[in-house]
Amino acid sequence: NTIYLQMNSLKPEDTAVYYCAAGPGSYPNAYW
């Protein structure tokens, strides 16, 4: 029940708070 995000060649512009999300359909926004 786990997803991953492998981030390579990171750039300073990748700096951010990263949020996991889930939901029905193609755009998950029901749970954060």
Full PDB file with SEQRES, HELIX, SHEET, SSBOND, CRYST1, ORIGX, SCALE, CONECT and MASTER records, all heavy atoms in Angstrom:
SEQRES   1 A   32  ASN THR ILE TYR LEU GLN MET ASN SER LEU LYS PRO GLU          
SEQRES   2 A   32  ASP THR ALA VAL TYR TYR CYS ALA ALA GLY PRO GLY SER          
SEQRES   3 A   32  TYR PRO ASN ALA TYR TRP                                      
HELIX    1 AA1 PRO A   12  ASP A   14  5                                   3    
CRYST1    1.000    1.000    1.000  90.00  90.00  90.00 P 1           1          
ORIGX1      1.000000  0.000000  0.000000        0.00000                         
ORIGX2      0.000000  1.000000  0.000000        0.00000                         
ORIGX3      0.000000  0.000000  1.000000        0.00000                         
SCALE1      1.000000  0.000000  0.000000        0.00000                         
SCALE2      0.000000  1.000000  0.000000        0.00000                         
SCALE3      0.000000  0.000000  1.000000        0.00000                         
ATOM      1  N   ASN A   1       0.833  -1.208   0.000  1.00  0.00           N  
ATOM      2  CA  ASN A   1       0.000   0.000   0.000  1.00  0.00           C  
ATOM      3  C   ASN A   1       0.865   1.254   0.000  1.00  0.00           C  
ATOM      4  O   ASN A   1       0.564   2.235   0.682  1.00  0.00           O  
ATOM      5  CB  ASN A   1      -0.944   0.015   1.206  1.00  0.00           C  
ATOM      6  CG  ASN A   1      -1.805  -1.210   1.301  1.00  0.00           C  
ATOM      7  OD1 ASN A   1      -2.269  -1.732   0.287  1.00  0.00           O  
ATOM      8  ND2 ASN A   1      -2.036  -1.685   2.513  1.00  0.00           N  
ATOM      9  N   THR A   2       1.910   1.224  -0.773  1.00  0.00           N  
ATOM     10  CA  THR A   2       2.911   2.270  -0.733  1.00  0.00           C  
ATOM     11  C   THR A   2       3.283   2.723  -2.136  1.00  0.00           C  
ATOM     12  O   THR A   2       3.384   1.903  -3.047  1.00  0.00           O  
ATOM     13  CB  THR A   2       4.170   1.785   0.004  1.00  0.00           C  
ATOM     14  OG1 THR A   2       3.824   1.411   1.342  1.00  0.00           O  
ATOM     15  CG2 THR A   2       5.235   2.867   0.057  1.00  0.00           C  
ATOM     16  N   ILE A   3       3.481   4.025  -2.280  1.00  0.00           N  
ATOM     17  CA  ILE A   3       4.046   4.558  -3.506  1.00  0.00           C  
ATOM     18  C   ILE A   3       5.369   5.226  -3.185  1.00  0.00           C  
ATOM     19  O   ILE A   3       5.637   5.608  -2.044  1.00  0.00           O  
ATOM     20  CB  ILE A   3       3.110   5.550  -4.225  1.00  0.00           C  
ATOM     21  CG1 ILE A   3       2.903   6.821  -3.384  1.00  0.00           C  
ATOM     22  CG2 ILE A   3       1.792   4.887  -4.571  1.00  0.00           C  
ATOM     23  CD1 ILE A   3       2.279   7.962  -4.174  1.00  0.00           C  
ATOM     24  N   TYR A   4       6.173   5.380  -4.219  1.00  0.00           N  
ATOM     25  CA  TYR A   4       7.488   5.964  -4.074  1.00  0.00           C  
ATOM     26  C   TYR A   4       7.703   7.019  -5.143  1.00  0.00           C  
ATOM     27  O   TYR A   4       7.074   6.995  -6.197  1.00  0.00           O  
ATOM     28  CB  TYR A   4       8.579   4.893  -4.209  1.00  0.00           C  
ATOM     29  CG  TYR A   4       8.402   3.720  -3.286  1.00  0.00           C  
ATOM     30  CD1 TYR A   4       7.693   2.591  -3.695  1.00  0.00           C  
ATOM     31  CD2 TYR A   4       8.935   3.734  -2.006  1.00  0.00           C  
ATOM     32  CE1 TYR A   4       7.523   1.507  -2.851  1.00  0.00           C  
ATOM     33  CE2 TYR A   4       8.768   2.658  -1.152  1.00  0.00           C  
ATOM     34  CZ  TYR A   4       8.067   1.550  -1.572  1.00  0.00           C  
ATOM     35  OH  TYR A   4       7.899   0.481  -0.731  1.00  0.00           O  
ATOM     36  N   LEU A   5       8.591   7.918  -4.855  1.00  0.00           N  
ATOM     37  CA  LEU A   5       9.037   8.874  -5.844  1.00  0.00           C  
ATOM     38  C   LEU A   5      10.555   8.887  -5.823  1.00  0.00           C  
ATOM     39  O   LEU A   5      11.163   9.412  -4.884  1.00  0.00           O  
ATOM     40  CB  LEU A   5       8.487  10.275  -5.570  1.00  0.00           C  
ATOM     41  CG  LEU A   5       8.804  11.318  -6.643  1.00  0.00           C  
ATOM     42  CD1 LEU A   5       8.076  10.986  -7.947  1.00  0.00           C  
ATOM     43  CD2 LEU A   5       8.434  12.716  -6.168  1.00  0.00           C  
ATOM     44  N   GLN A   6      11.145   8.280  -6.831  1.00  0.00           N  
ATOM     45  CA  GLN A   6      12.590   8.283  -6.975  1.00  0.00           C  
ATOM     46  C   GLN A   6      12.988   9.547  -7.719  1.00  0.00           C  
ATOM     47  O   GLN A   6      12.583   9.739  -8.867  1.00  0.00           O  
ATOM     48  CB  GLN A   6      13.066   7.045  -7.734  1.00  0.00           C  
ATOM     49  CG  GLN A   6      14.565   6.988  -7.968  1.00  0.00           C  
ATOM     50  CD  GLN A   6      15.348   6.841  -6.687  1.00  0.00           C  
ATOM     51  OE1 GLN A   6      15.019   6.004  -5.851  1.00  0.00           O  
ATOM     52  NE2 GLN A   6      16.381   7.646  -6.519  1.00  0.00           N  
ATOM     53  N   MET A   7      13.754  10.388  -7.073  1.00  0.00           N  
ATOM     54  CA  MET A   7      14.143  11.671  -7.629  1.00  0.00           C  
ATOM     55  C   MET A   7      15.637  11.651  -7.902  1.00  0.00           C  
ATOM     56  O   MET A   7      16.441  11.545  -6.978  1.00  0.00           O  
ATOM     57  CB  MET A   7      13.778  12.809  -6.679  1.00  0.00           C  
ATOM     58  CG  MET A   7      12.300  12.849  -6.320  1.00  0.00           C  
ATOM     59  SD  MET A   7      11.868  14.251  -5.247  1.00  0.00           S  
ATOM     60  CE  MET A   7      12.704  13.745  -3.743  1.00  0.00           C  
ATOM     61  N   ASN A   8      15.992  11.758  -9.164  1.00  0.00           N  
ATOM     62  CA  ASN A   8      17.382  11.787  -9.581  1.00  0.00           C  
ATOM     63  C   ASN A   8      17.719  13.147 -10.179  1.00  0.00           C  
ATOM     64  O   ASN A   8      16.836  13.902 -10.582  1.00  0.00           O  
ATOM     65  CB  ASN A   8      17.661  10.688 -10.609  1.00  0.00           C  
ATOM     66  CG  ASN A   8      17.458   9.298 -10.059  1.00  0.00           C  
ATOM     67  OD1 ASN A   8      17.669   9.044  -8.873  1.00  0.00           O  
ATOM     68  ND2 ASN A   8      17.056   8.378 -10.927  1.00  0.00           N  
ATOM     69  N   SER A   9      18.998  13.432 -10.247  1.00  0.00           N  
ATOM     70  CA  SER A   9      19.477  14.685 -10.826  1.00  0.00           C  
ATOM     71  C   SER A   9      18.737  15.885 -10.251  1.00  0.00           C  
ATOM     72  O   SER A   9      18.266  16.764 -10.975  1.00  0.00           O  
ATOM     73  CB  SER A   9      19.337  14.648 -12.353  1.00  0.00           C  
ATOM     74  OG  SER A   9      20.059  13.572 -12.909  1.00  0.00           O  
ATOM     75  N   LEU A  10      18.658  15.921  -8.952  1.00  0.00           N  
ATOM     76  CA  LEU A  10      17.893  16.971  -8.287  1.00  0.00           C  
ATOM     77  C   LEU A  10      18.499  18.345  -8.533  1.00  0.00           C  
ATOM     78  O   LEU A  10      19.718  18.506  -8.601  1.00  0.00           O  
ATOM     79  CB  LEU A  10      17.809  16.694  -6.794  1.00  0.00           C  
ATOM     80  CG  LEU A  10      16.787  15.624  -6.406  1.00  0.00           C  
ATOM     81  CD1 LEU A  10      17.037  15.120  -4.997  1.00  0.00           C  
ATOM     82  CD2 LEU A  10      15.372  16.175  -6.539  1.00  0.00           C  
ATOM     83  N   LYS A  11      17.616  19.322  -8.661  1.00  0.00           N  
ATOM     84  CA  LYS A  11      17.991  20.700  -8.901  1.00  0.00           C  
ATOM     85  C   LYS A  11      17.488  21.571  -7.766  1.00  0.00           C  
ATOM     86  O   LYS A  11      16.514  21.219  -7.098  1.00  0.00           O  
ATOM     87  CB  LYS A  11      17.385  21.193 -10.220  1.00  0.00           C  
ATOM     88  CG  LYS A  11      17.727  20.353 -11.435  1.00  0.00           C  
ATOM     89  CD  LYS A  11      16.968  20.848 -12.657  1.00  0.00           C  
ATOM     90  CE  LYS A  11      17.284  20.014 -13.875  1.00  0.00           C  
ATOM     91  NZ  LYS A  11      16.520  20.481 -15.067  1.00  0.00           N  
ATOM     92  N   PRO A  12      18.120  22.710  -7.541  1.00  0.00           N  
ATOM     93  CA  PRO A  12      17.618  23.605  -6.494  1.00  0.00           C  
ATOM     94  C   PRO A  12      16.156  23.978  -6.668  1.00  0.00           C  
ATOM     95  O   PRO A  12      15.449  24.155  -5.667  1.00  0.00           O  
ATOM     96  CB  PRO A  12      18.526  24.831  -6.625  1.00  0.00           C  
ATOM     97  CG  PRO A  12      19.800  24.283  -7.142  1.00  0.00           C  
ATOM     98  CD  PRO A  12      19.396  23.184  -8.099  1.00  0.00           C  
ATOM     99  N   GLU A  13      15.691  24.077  -7.898  1.00  0.00           N  
ATOM    100  CA  GLU A  13      14.297  24.416  -8.135  1.00  0.00           C  
ATOM    101  C   GLU A  13      13.332  23.293  -7.766  1.00  0.00           C  
ATOM    102  O   GLU A  13      12.116  23.491  -7.788  1.00  0.00           O  
ATOM    103  CB  GLU A  13      14.066  24.843  -9.592  1.00  0.00           C  
ATOM    104  CG  GLU A  13      14.631  23.875 -10.612  1.00  0.00           C  
ATOM    105  CD  GLU A  13      15.990  24.304 -11.125  1.00  0.00           C  
ATOM    106  OE1 GLU A  13      16.842  24.709 -10.302  1.00  0.00           O  
ATOM    107  OE2 GLU A  13      16.208  24.246 -12.353  1.00  0.00           O  
ATOM    108  N   ASP A  14      13.857  22.117  -7.440  1.00  0.00           N  
ATOM    109  CA  ASP A  14      13.021  21.038  -6.923  1.00  0.00           C  
ATOM    110  C   ASP A  14      12.713  21.212  -5.441  1.00  0.00           C  
ATOM    111  O   ASP A  14      11.908  20.451  -4.890  1.00  0.00           O  
ATOM    112  CB  ASP A  14      13.695  19.681  -7.139  1.00  0.00           C  
ATOM    113  CG  ASP A  14      13.836  19.314  -8.603  1.00  0.00           C  
ATOM    114  OD1 ASP A  14      12.879  19.559  -9.374  1.00  0.00           O  
ATOM    115  OD2 ASP A  14      14.894  18.779  -8.977  1.00  0.00           O  
ATOM    116  N   THR A  15      13.349  22.161  -4.806  1.00  0.00           N  
ATOM    117  CA  THR A  15      13.115  22.408  -3.388  1.00  0.00           C  
ATOM    118  C   THR A  15      11.660  22.769  -3.144  1.00  0.00           C  
ATOM    119  O   THR A  15      11.131  23.701  -3.747  1.00  0.00           O  
ATOM    120  CB  THR A  15      14.026  23.527  -2.879  1.00  0.00           C  
ATOM    121  OG1 THR A  15      15.391  23.116  -2.970  1.00  0.00           O  
ATOM    122  CG2 THR A  15      13.702  23.871  -1.430  1.00  0.00           C  
ATOM    123  N   ALA A  16      11.020  22.018  -2.269  1.00  0.00           N  
ATOM    124  CA  ALA A  16       9.602  22.221  -1.983  1.00  0.00           C  
ATOM    125  C   ALA A  16       9.174  21.257  -0.892  1.00  0.00           C  
ATOM    126  O   ALA A  16       9.907  20.339  -0.526  1.00  0.00           O  
ATOM    127  CB  ALA A  16       8.754  21.986  -3.240  1.00  0.00           C  
ATOM    128  N   VAL A  17       7.978  21.474  -0.395  1.00  0.00           N  
ATOM    129  CA  VAL A  17       7.312  20.472   0.419  1.00  0.00           C  
ATOM    130  C   VAL A  17       6.582  19.543  -0.527  1.00  0.00           C  
ATOM    131  O   VAL A  17       5.775  19.992  -1.347  1.00  0.00           O  
ATOM    132  CB  VAL A  17       6.337  21.093   1.427  1.00  0.00           C  
ATOM    133  CG1 VAL A  17       5.612  20.007   2.210  1.00  0.00           C  
ATOM    134  CG2 VAL A  17       7.076  22.023   2.381  1.00  0.00           C  
ATOM    135  N   TYR A  18       6.849  18.271  -0.418  1.00  0.00           N  
ATOM    136  CA  TYR A  18       6.235  17.280  -1.279  1.00  0.00           C  
ATOM    137  C   TYR A  18       5.099  16.588  -0.546  1.00  0.00           C  
ATOM    138  O   TYR A  18       5.270  16.105   0.573  1.00  0.00           O  
ATOM    139  CB  TYR A  18       7.268  16.253  -1.742  1.00  0.00           C  
ATOM    140  CG  TYR A  18       8.176  16.779  -2.824  1.00  0.00           C  
ATOM    141  CD1 TYR A  18       9.124  17.755  -2.532  1.00  0.00           C  
ATOM    142  CD2 TYR A  18       8.069  16.325  -4.133  1.00  0.00           C  
ATOM    143  CE1 TYR A  18       9.945  18.267  -3.527  1.00  0.00           C  
ATOM    144  CE2 TYR A  18       8.890  16.830  -5.125  1.00  0.00           C  
ATOM    145  CZ  TYR A  18       9.823  17.799  -4.823  1.00  0.00           C  
ATOM    146  OH  TYR A  18      10.639  18.299  -5.806  1.00  0.00           O  
ATOM    147  N   TYR A  19       3.945  16.546  -1.193  1.00  0.00           N  
ATOM    148  CA  TYR A  19       2.743  15.972  -0.604  1.00  0.00           C  
ATOM    149  C   TYR A  19       2.307  14.735  -1.361  1.00  0.00           C  
ATOM    150  O   TYR A  19       2.270  14.725  -2.589  1.00  0.00           O  
ATOM    151  CB  TYR A  19       1.596  16.986  -0.623  1.00  0.00           C  
ATOM    152  CG  TYR A  19       1.835  18.223   0.207  1.00  0.00           C  
ATOM    153  CD1 TYR A  19       2.417  19.355  -0.340  1.00  0.00           C  
ATOM    154  CD2 TYR A  19       1.467  18.253   1.550  1.00  0.00           C  
ATOM    155  CE1 TYR A  19       2.634  20.492   0.421  1.00  0.00           C  
ATOM    156  CE2 TYR A  19       1.675  19.384   2.312  1.00  0.00           C  
ATOM    157  CZ  TYR A  19       2.258  20.507   1.749  1.00  0.00           C  
ATOM    158  OH  TYR A  19       2.466  21.627   2.504  1.00  0.00           O  
ATOM    159  N   CYS A  20       1.966  13.727  -0.628  1.00  0.00           N  
ATOM    160  CA  CYS A  20       1.355  12.535  -1.188  1.00  0.00           C  
ATOM    161  C   CYS A  20      -0.153  12.727  -1.230  1.00  0.00           C  
ATOM    162  O   CYS A  20      -0.738  13.337  -0.330  1.00  0.00           O  
ATOM    163  CB  CYS A  20       1.714  11.319  -0.343  1.00  0.00           C  
ATOM    164  SG  CYS A  20       1.036   9.753  -0.924  1.00  0.00           S  
ATOM    165  N   ALA A  21      -0.784  12.218  -2.275  1.00  0.00           N  
ATOM    166  CA  ALA A  21      -2.225  12.344  -2.414  1.00  0.00           C  
ATOM    167  C   ALA A  21      -2.817  11.069  -2.983  1.00  0.00           C  
ATOM    168  O   ALA A  21      -2.131  10.283  -3.642  1.00  0.00           O  
ATOM    169  CB  ALA A  21      -2.575  13.531  -3.319  1.00  0.00           C  
ATOM    170  N   ALA A  22      -4.100  10.886  -2.731  1.00  0.00           N  
ATOM    171  CA  ALA A  22      -4.815   9.722  -3.242  1.00  0.00           C  
ATOM    172  C   ALA A  22      -6.262  10.084  -3.491  1.00  0.00           C  
ATOM    173  O   ALA A  22      -6.817  10.968  -2.834  1.00  0.00           O  
ATOM    174  CB  ALA A  22      -4.730   8.554  -2.260  1.00  0.00           C  
ATOM    175  N   GLY A  23      -6.883   9.391  -4.436  1.00  0.00           N  
ATOM    176  CA  GLY A  23      -8.282   9.614  -4.713  1.00  0.00           C  
ATOM    177  C   GLY A  23      -8.731   8.892  -5.963  1.00  0.00           C  
ATOM    178  O   GLY A  23      -7.908   8.404  -6.733  1.00  0.00           O  
ATOM    179  N   PRO A  24     -10.036   8.835  -6.152  1.00  0.00           N  
ATOM    180  CA  PRO A  24     -10.556   8.176  -7.343  1.00  0.00           C  
ATOM    181  C   PRO A  24     -10.295   8.999  -8.588  1.00  0.00           C  
ATOM    182  O   PRO A  24     -10.091  10.212  -8.522  1.00  0.00           O  
ATOM    183  CB  PRO A  24     -12.055   8.067  -7.046  1.00  0.00           C  
ATOM    184  CG  PRO A  24     -12.333   9.215  -6.140  1.00  0.00           C  
ATOM    185  CD  PRO A  24     -11.098   9.369  -5.294  1.00  0.00           C  
ATOM    186  N   GLY A  25     -10.324   8.340  -9.707  1.00  0.00           N  
ATOM    187  CA  GLY A  25     -10.110   9.027 -10.962  1.00  0.00           C  
ATOM    188  C   GLY A  25      -8.640   9.229 -11.263  1.00  0.00           C  
ATOM    189  O   GLY A  25      -7.756   8.661 -10.611  1.00  0.00           O  
ATOM    190  N   SER A  26      -8.375  10.075 -12.233  1.00  0.00           N  
ATOM    191  CA  SER A  26      -7.019  10.270 -12.717  1.00  0.00           C  
ATOM    192  C   SER A  26      -6.252  11.364 -11.984  1.00  0.00           C  
ATOM    193  O   SER A  26      -5.030  11.464 -12.134  1.00  0.00           O  
ATOM    194  CB  SER A  26      -7.042  10.597 -14.214  1.00  0.00           C  
ATOM    195  OG  SER A  26      -7.765  11.787 -14.466  1.00  0.00           O  
ATOM    196  N   TYR A  27      -6.942  12.178 -11.207  1.00  0.00           N  
ATOM    197  CA  TYR A  27      -6.317  13.278 -10.483  1.00  0.00           C  
ATOM    198  C   TYR A  27      -6.629  13.135  -9.002  1.00  0.00           C  
ATOM    199  O   TYR A  27      -7.721  13.479  -8.553  1.00  0.00           O  
ATOM    200  CB  TYR A  27      -6.814  14.618 -11.018  1.00  0.00           C  
ATOM    201  CG  TYR A  27      -6.020  15.801 -10.550  1.00  0.00           C  
ATOM    202  CD1 TYR A  27      -4.851  16.175 -11.208  1.00  0.00           C  
ATOM    203  CD2 TYR A  27      -6.429  16.550  -9.461  1.00  0.00           C  
ATOM    204  CE1 TYR A  27      -4.120  17.269 -10.786  1.00  0.00           C  
ATOM    205  CE2 TYR A  27      -5.701  17.644  -9.028  1.00  0.00           C  
ATOM    206  CZ  TYR A  27      -4.547  18.002  -9.692  1.00  0.00           C  
ATOM    207  OH  TYR A  27      -3.819  19.093  -9.276  1.00  0.00           O  
ATOM    208  N   PRO A  28      -5.684  12.644  -8.200  1.00  0.00           N  
ATOM    209  CA  PRO A  28      -5.969  12.363  -6.790  1.00  0.00           C  
ATOM    210  C   PRO A  28      -6.002  13.633  -5.953  1.00  0.00           C  
ATOM    211  O   PRO A  28      -5.023  14.392  -5.913  1.00  0.00           O  
ATOM    212  CB  PRO A  28      -4.800  11.459  -6.382  1.00  0.00           C  
ATOM    213  CG  PRO A  28      -3.679  11.876  -7.285  1.00  0.00           C  
ATOM    214  CD  PRO A  28      -4.324  12.221  -8.586  1.00  0.00           C  
ATOM    215  N   ASN A  29      -7.109  13.850  -5.285  1.00  0.00           N  
ATOM    216  CA  ASN A  29      -7.223  15.009  -4.410  1.00  0.00           C  
ATOM    217  C   ASN A  29      -8.148  14.781  -3.222  1.00  0.00           C  
ATOM    218  O   ASN A  29      -8.498  15.729  -2.527  1.00  0.00           O  
ATOM    219  CB  ASN A  29      -7.682  16.235  -5.193  1.00  0.00           C  
ATOM    220  CG  ASN A  29      -9.060  16.076  -5.805  1.00  0.00           C  
ATOM    221  OD1 ASN A  29      -9.692  15.033  -5.682  1.00  0.00           O  
ATOM    222  ND2 ASN A  29      -9.524  17.118  -6.471  1.00  0.00           N  
ATOM    223  N   ALA A  30      -8.551  13.547  -2.976  1.00  0.00           N  
ATOM    224  CA  ALA A  30      -9.457  13.256  -1.873  1.00  0.00           C  
ATOM    225  C   ALA A  30      -8.736  13.149  -0.530  1.00  0.00           C  
ATOM    226  O   ALA A  30      -9.294  13.509   0.502  1.00  0.00           O  
ATOM    227  CB  ALA A  30     -10.232  11.974  -2.153  1.00  0.00           C  
ATOM    228  N   TYR A  31      -7.516  12.657  -0.536  1.00  0.00           N  
ATOM    229  CA  TYR A  31      -6.745  12.463   0.683  1.00  0.00           C  
ATOM    230  C   TYR A  31      -5.344  13.002   0.469  1.00  0.00           C  
ATOM    231  O   TYR A  31      -4.766  12.877  -0.610  1.00  0.00           O  
ATOM    232  CB  TYR A  31      -6.684  10.979   1.067  1.00  0.00           C  
ATOM    233  CG  TYR A  31      -8.038  10.334   1.194  1.00  0.00           C  
ATOM    234  CD1 TYR A  31      -8.574   9.595   0.155  1.00  0.00           C  
ATOM    235  CD2 TYR A  31      -8.778  10.478   2.362  1.00  0.00           C  
ATOM    236  CE1 TYR A  31      -9.827   9.011   0.271  1.00  0.00           C  
ATOM    237  CE2 TYR A  31     -10.031   9.898   2.480  1.00  0.00           C  
ATOM    238  CZ  TYR A  31     -10.548   9.164   1.430  1.00  0.00           C  
ATOM    239  OH  TYR A  31     -11.789   8.584   1.545  1.00  0.00           O  
ATOM    240  N   TRP A  32      -4.809  13.568   1.545  1.00  0.00           N  
ATOM    241  CA  TRP A  32      -3.483  14.185   1.477  1.00  0.00           C  
ATOM    242  C   TRP A  32      -2.634  13.794   2.662  1.00  0.00           C  
ATOM    243  O   TRP A  32      -3.133  13.641   3.779  1.00  0.00           O  
ATOM    244  CB  TRP A  32      -3.606  15.713   1.445  1.00  0.00           C  
ATOM    245  CG  TRP A  32      -4.237  16.237   0.202  1.00  0.00           C  
ATOM    246  CD1 TRP A  32      -5.561  16.456  -0.020  1.00  0.00           C  
ATOM    247  CD2 TRP A  32      -3.562  16.617  -1.002  1.00  0.00           C  
ATOM    248  NE1 TRP A  32      -5.758  16.945  -1.286  1.00  0.00           N  
ATOM    249  CE2 TRP A  32      -4.555  17.056  -1.910  1.00  0.00           C  
ATOM    250  CE3 TRP A  32      -2.230  16.630  -1.391  1.00  0.00           C  
ATOM    251  CZ2 TRP A  32      -4.245  17.507  -3.191  1.00  0.00           C  
ATOM    252  CZ3 TRP A  32      -1.919  17.071  -2.662  1.00  0.00           C  
ATOM    253  CH2 TRP A  32      -2.913  17.508  -3.549  1.00  0.00           C  
TER     254      TRP A  32                                                      
MASTER        0    0    0    1    0    0    0    6  253    1    0    3          
END                                                                             
